Protein backbone atom coordinates (compact mmCIF):
# COMPACT_ATOMS: atom_id res chain seq x y z
CA MET A 1 66.91 69.04 31.98
CA SER A 2 65.45 67.08 34.82
CA ARG A 3 62.35 68.33 36.78
CA LYS A 4 64.50 68.82 39.86
CA ARG A 5 66.76 71.14 37.93
CA ILE A 6 63.73 73.03 36.45
CA ALA A 7 62.19 73.43 39.85
CA ALA A 8 65.56 74.75 41.35
CA ALA A 9 66.34 77.10 38.56
CA THR A 10 62.68 78.53 38.83
CA LEU A 11 63.17 79.05 42.52
CA ALA A 12 66.52 80.71 42.08
CA PHE A 13 65.10 82.93 39.41
CA VAL A 14 62.37 84.09 41.57
CA ALA A 15 64.60 84.72 44.41
CA LEU A 16 67.35 86.36 42.35
CA PHE A 17 64.67 88.56 40.70
CA GLY A 18 63.38 89.72 43.95
CA LEU A 19 66.63 90.32 45.40
CA ALA A 20 67.32 92.99 42.85
CA PRO A 21 67.49 96.54 44.71
CA GLN A 22 64.31 98.53 44.18
CA PRO A 23 65.32 102.12 43.48
CA GLY A 24 62.89 104.63 44.86
CA ALA A 25 60.67 101.89 46.75
CA ALA A 26 58.83 103.94 49.32
CA GLN A 27 59.17 103.05 52.95
CA GLU A 28 55.92 102.80 54.85
CA SER A 29 55.30 101.83 58.36
CA HIS A 30 52.98 98.96 58.97
CA GLN A 31 50.86 98.04 61.90
CA ALA A 32 50.33 94.64 63.12
CA SER A 33 47.19 93.06 61.38
CA TRP A 34 45.46 89.77 60.56
CA PHE A 35 45.08 88.87 56.82
CA ALA A 36 43.53 86.31 54.61
CA GLY A 37 44.56 85.31 51.05
CA ILE A 38 44.17 83.00 47.97
CA ALA A 39 46.88 81.76 45.51
CA SER A 40 46.65 79.47 42.52
CA GLY A 41 49.19 78.26 39.77
CA TRP A 42 50.80 75.30 38.33
CA TYR A 43 52.22 72.19 40.03
CA PHE A 44 55.41 70.74 38.71
CA PRO A 45 55.75 67.20 39.60
CA THR A 46 59.40 66.40 40.67
CA LYS A 47 58.48 62.73 41.62
CA LYS A 48 55.34 61.12 40.14
CA TRP A 49 53.75 57.75 39.93
CA THR A 50 52.92 56.10 36.65
CA SER A 51 50.59 58.42 34.59
CA SER A 52 50.92 60.66 31.61
CA TYR A 53 50.66 63.98 33.52
CA THR A 54 53.51 66.51 33.35
CA LEU A 55 51.66 69.55 34.92
CA GLY A 56 48.77 69.89 37.55
CA GLY A 57 46.88 72.88 39.02
CA GLY A 58 45.31 73.64 42.27
CA GLY A 59 45.49 76.54 44.81
CA SER A 60 46.02 77.85 48.54
CA PHE A 61 44.19 79.46 51.17
CA LEU A 62 46.04 81.75 53.67
CA VAL A 63 45.04 83.14 57.14
CA GLY A 64 47.68 84.58 59.26
CA TYR A 65 49.21 87.39 61.36
CA ALA A 66 51.46 90.06 60.07
CA LYS A 67 53.66 91.50 62.94
CA ASN A 68 55.14 94.26 60.71
CA ASP A 69 56.25 94.66 56.97
CA ARG A 70 58.99 91.90 57.40
CA TRP A 71 57.45 88.99 59.63
CA ALA A 72 54.25 87.09 59.35
CA ALA A 73 53.02 83.81 60.56
CA GLN A 74 50.22 82.02 58.25
CA LEU A 75 48.41 79.02 58.12
CA ASP A 76 48.59 77.66 54.45
CA ALA A 77 45.89 75.12 53.44
CA ASN A 78 46.45 73.92 49.84
CA MET A 79 45.16 71.26 47.40
CA TRP A 80 46.66 70.05 44.21
CA LEU A 81 45.44 67.49 41.34
CA CYS A 82 47.44 65.68 38.81
CA SER A 83 45.56 63.56 36.51
CA GLY A 84 46.22 61.69 33.19
CA ASN A 85 45.34 58.13 31.86
CA GLY A 86 42.81 57.46 34.45
CA ILE A 87 45.20 57.87 37.18
CA ASP A 88 44.89 60.72 39.79
CA SER A 89 46.99 62.25 42.62
CA TRP A 90 45.07 64.47 44.96
CA ASP A 91 47.59 66.27 47.42
CA ILE A 92 46.20 68.22 50.37
CA LYS A 93 48.73 70.06 52.68
CA VAL A 94 48.09 72.04 56.01
CA ILE A 95 51.12 73.95 57.09
CA PRO A 96 51.85 76.65 59.55
CA GLU A 97 54.63 78.93 58.01
CA VAL A 98 56.78 81.80 58.93
CA THR A 99 57.48 84.33 56.20
CA HIS A 100 60.15 87.00 56.21
CA ALA A 101 60.50 89.83 53.67
CA PHE A 102 63.73 91.29 52.70
CA GLY A 103 63.13 94.87 53.12
CA GLY A 104 59.90 96.90 53.72
CA GLY A 105 59.53 98.70 50.31
CA ALA A 106 56.37 98.52 48.08
CA VAL A 107 58.38 95.57 46.19
CA ALA A 108 60.09 93.05 48.42
CA PRO A 109 61.44 89.62 48.04
CA PHE A 110 60.44 87.00 50.66
CA ALA A 111 61.32 83.71 52.03
CA LEU A 112 59.03 81.16 53.89
CA THR A 113 59.37 77.86 55.71
CA GLY A 114 57.25 75.67 58.15
CA VAL A 115 56.37 72.25 59.13
CA GLY A 116 53.02 70.68 58.42
CA VAL A 117 51.16 67.57 57.33
CA GLU A 118 50.24 66.26 53.71
CA TYR A 119 47.55 63.88 52.87
CA GLN A 120 47.86 62.23 49.44
CA ARG A 121 45.18 60.09 47.87
CA LEU A 122 45.82 58.04 44.83
CA TYR A 123 43.16 56.83 42.48
CA PRO A 124 42.31 54.32 41.03
CA ALA A 125 44.68 52.49 43.67
CA LYS A 126 42.47 54.12 46.49
CA THR A 127 45.54 54.44 48.60
CA ALA A 128 46.33 57.26 51.09
CA ILE A 129 49.42 58.42 52.53
CA VAL A 130 50.04 60.75 55.35
CA ALA A 131 53.50 62.44 55.94
CA ALA A 132 55.27 65.39 57.36
CA VAL A 133 56.33 68.26 54.93
CA VAL A 134 58.57 71.24 55.11
CA PRO A 135 58.28 74.08 52.54
CA LEU A 136 61.11 75.97 51.50
CA GLY A 137 59.60 78.91 49.47
CA ALA A 138 60.88 82.25 47.89
CA GLY A 139 59.00 85.01 46.17
CA VAL A 140 58.27 88.65 45.27
CA GLN A 141 55.53 90.72 46.75
CA TRP A 142 54.07 93.90 45.76
CA ARG A 143 52.27 96.28 48.23
CA MET A 144 48.76 97.11 47.26
CA ASN A 145 46.49 100.06 48.38
CA GLY A 146 44.95 99.39 51.61
CA GLY A 147 47.91 97.25 52.89
CA GLY A 148 47.15 94.14 50.89
CA ARG A 149 49.82 92.21 49.15
CA PHE A 150 50.13 90.57 45.68
CA PHE A 151 52.64 87.97 45.16
CA ILE A 152 54.38 85.52 43.25
CA GLU A 153 56.08 82.47 44.85
CA GLY A 154 57.59 79.11 44.35
CA ILE A 155 57.95 76.46 46.85
CA TYR A 156 59.99 73.27 47.23
CA TYR A 157 58.57 70.81 49.58
CA ILE A 158 60.80 68.36 51.57
CA ALA A 159 58.54 65.18 52.22
CA SER A 160 58.78 61.49 52.76
CA ASP A 161 59.80 59.29 50.10
CA ARG A 162 56.60 57.23 51.16
CA LEU A 163 54.64 59.88 48.94
CA ALA A 164 53.80 58.71 45.45
CA ALA A 165 54.27 62.39 44.20
CA HIS A 166 56.33 65.21 45.03
CA ASP A 167 55.77 68.78 43.51
CA PHE A 168 56.89 72.38 42.99
CA PRO A 169 54.11 74.80 42.72
CA LEU A 170 54.52 78.20 41.31
CA LEU A 171 51.79 80.40 42.43
CA ALA A 172 50.42 83.87 42.05
CA GLY A 173 47.93 85.44 44.65
CA PHE A 174 47.04 88.10 47.08
CA ARG A 175 46.38 88.62 50.63
CA VAL A 176 44.24 91.33 52.40
CA PRO A 177 44.12 92.64 55.86
CA PHE A 178 41.10 92.30 58.06
């Protein structure tokens, strides 16, 4: 099975799992608030340059504003590394995003999208590429005490073919209000 099919199947699984009805999920009103968060996980390359890597790692920092239980705007700054055979690919993305949760219960699926910029640095070639990037993501979030959220998400990035590597990260993280 190709990496693109694995990425698509993973994203579909996360979306379908999250769309299952949640019996007895409590409805709770949510007041608008700022939040910060962090996430980490695995980076599955869907296009890579010559190296032995098949999996990478990294993480994301989030800061945003939740209008209510369903809508939020966030700035996602993330960095990923894939390395193998002395060849490295460092990806840094900064993306303003909009998220929408489908339901306001204790467990809710969500989708996200935005438009941002990706900086990719390749070693030992010492080349750098900057390109626009559009994330298409889906996941499931769980309400924590105090208004925070724990989430699992998968994101497919639409990016320029000029980039030497493309990716599909699968992340777990949390965000807390402040």
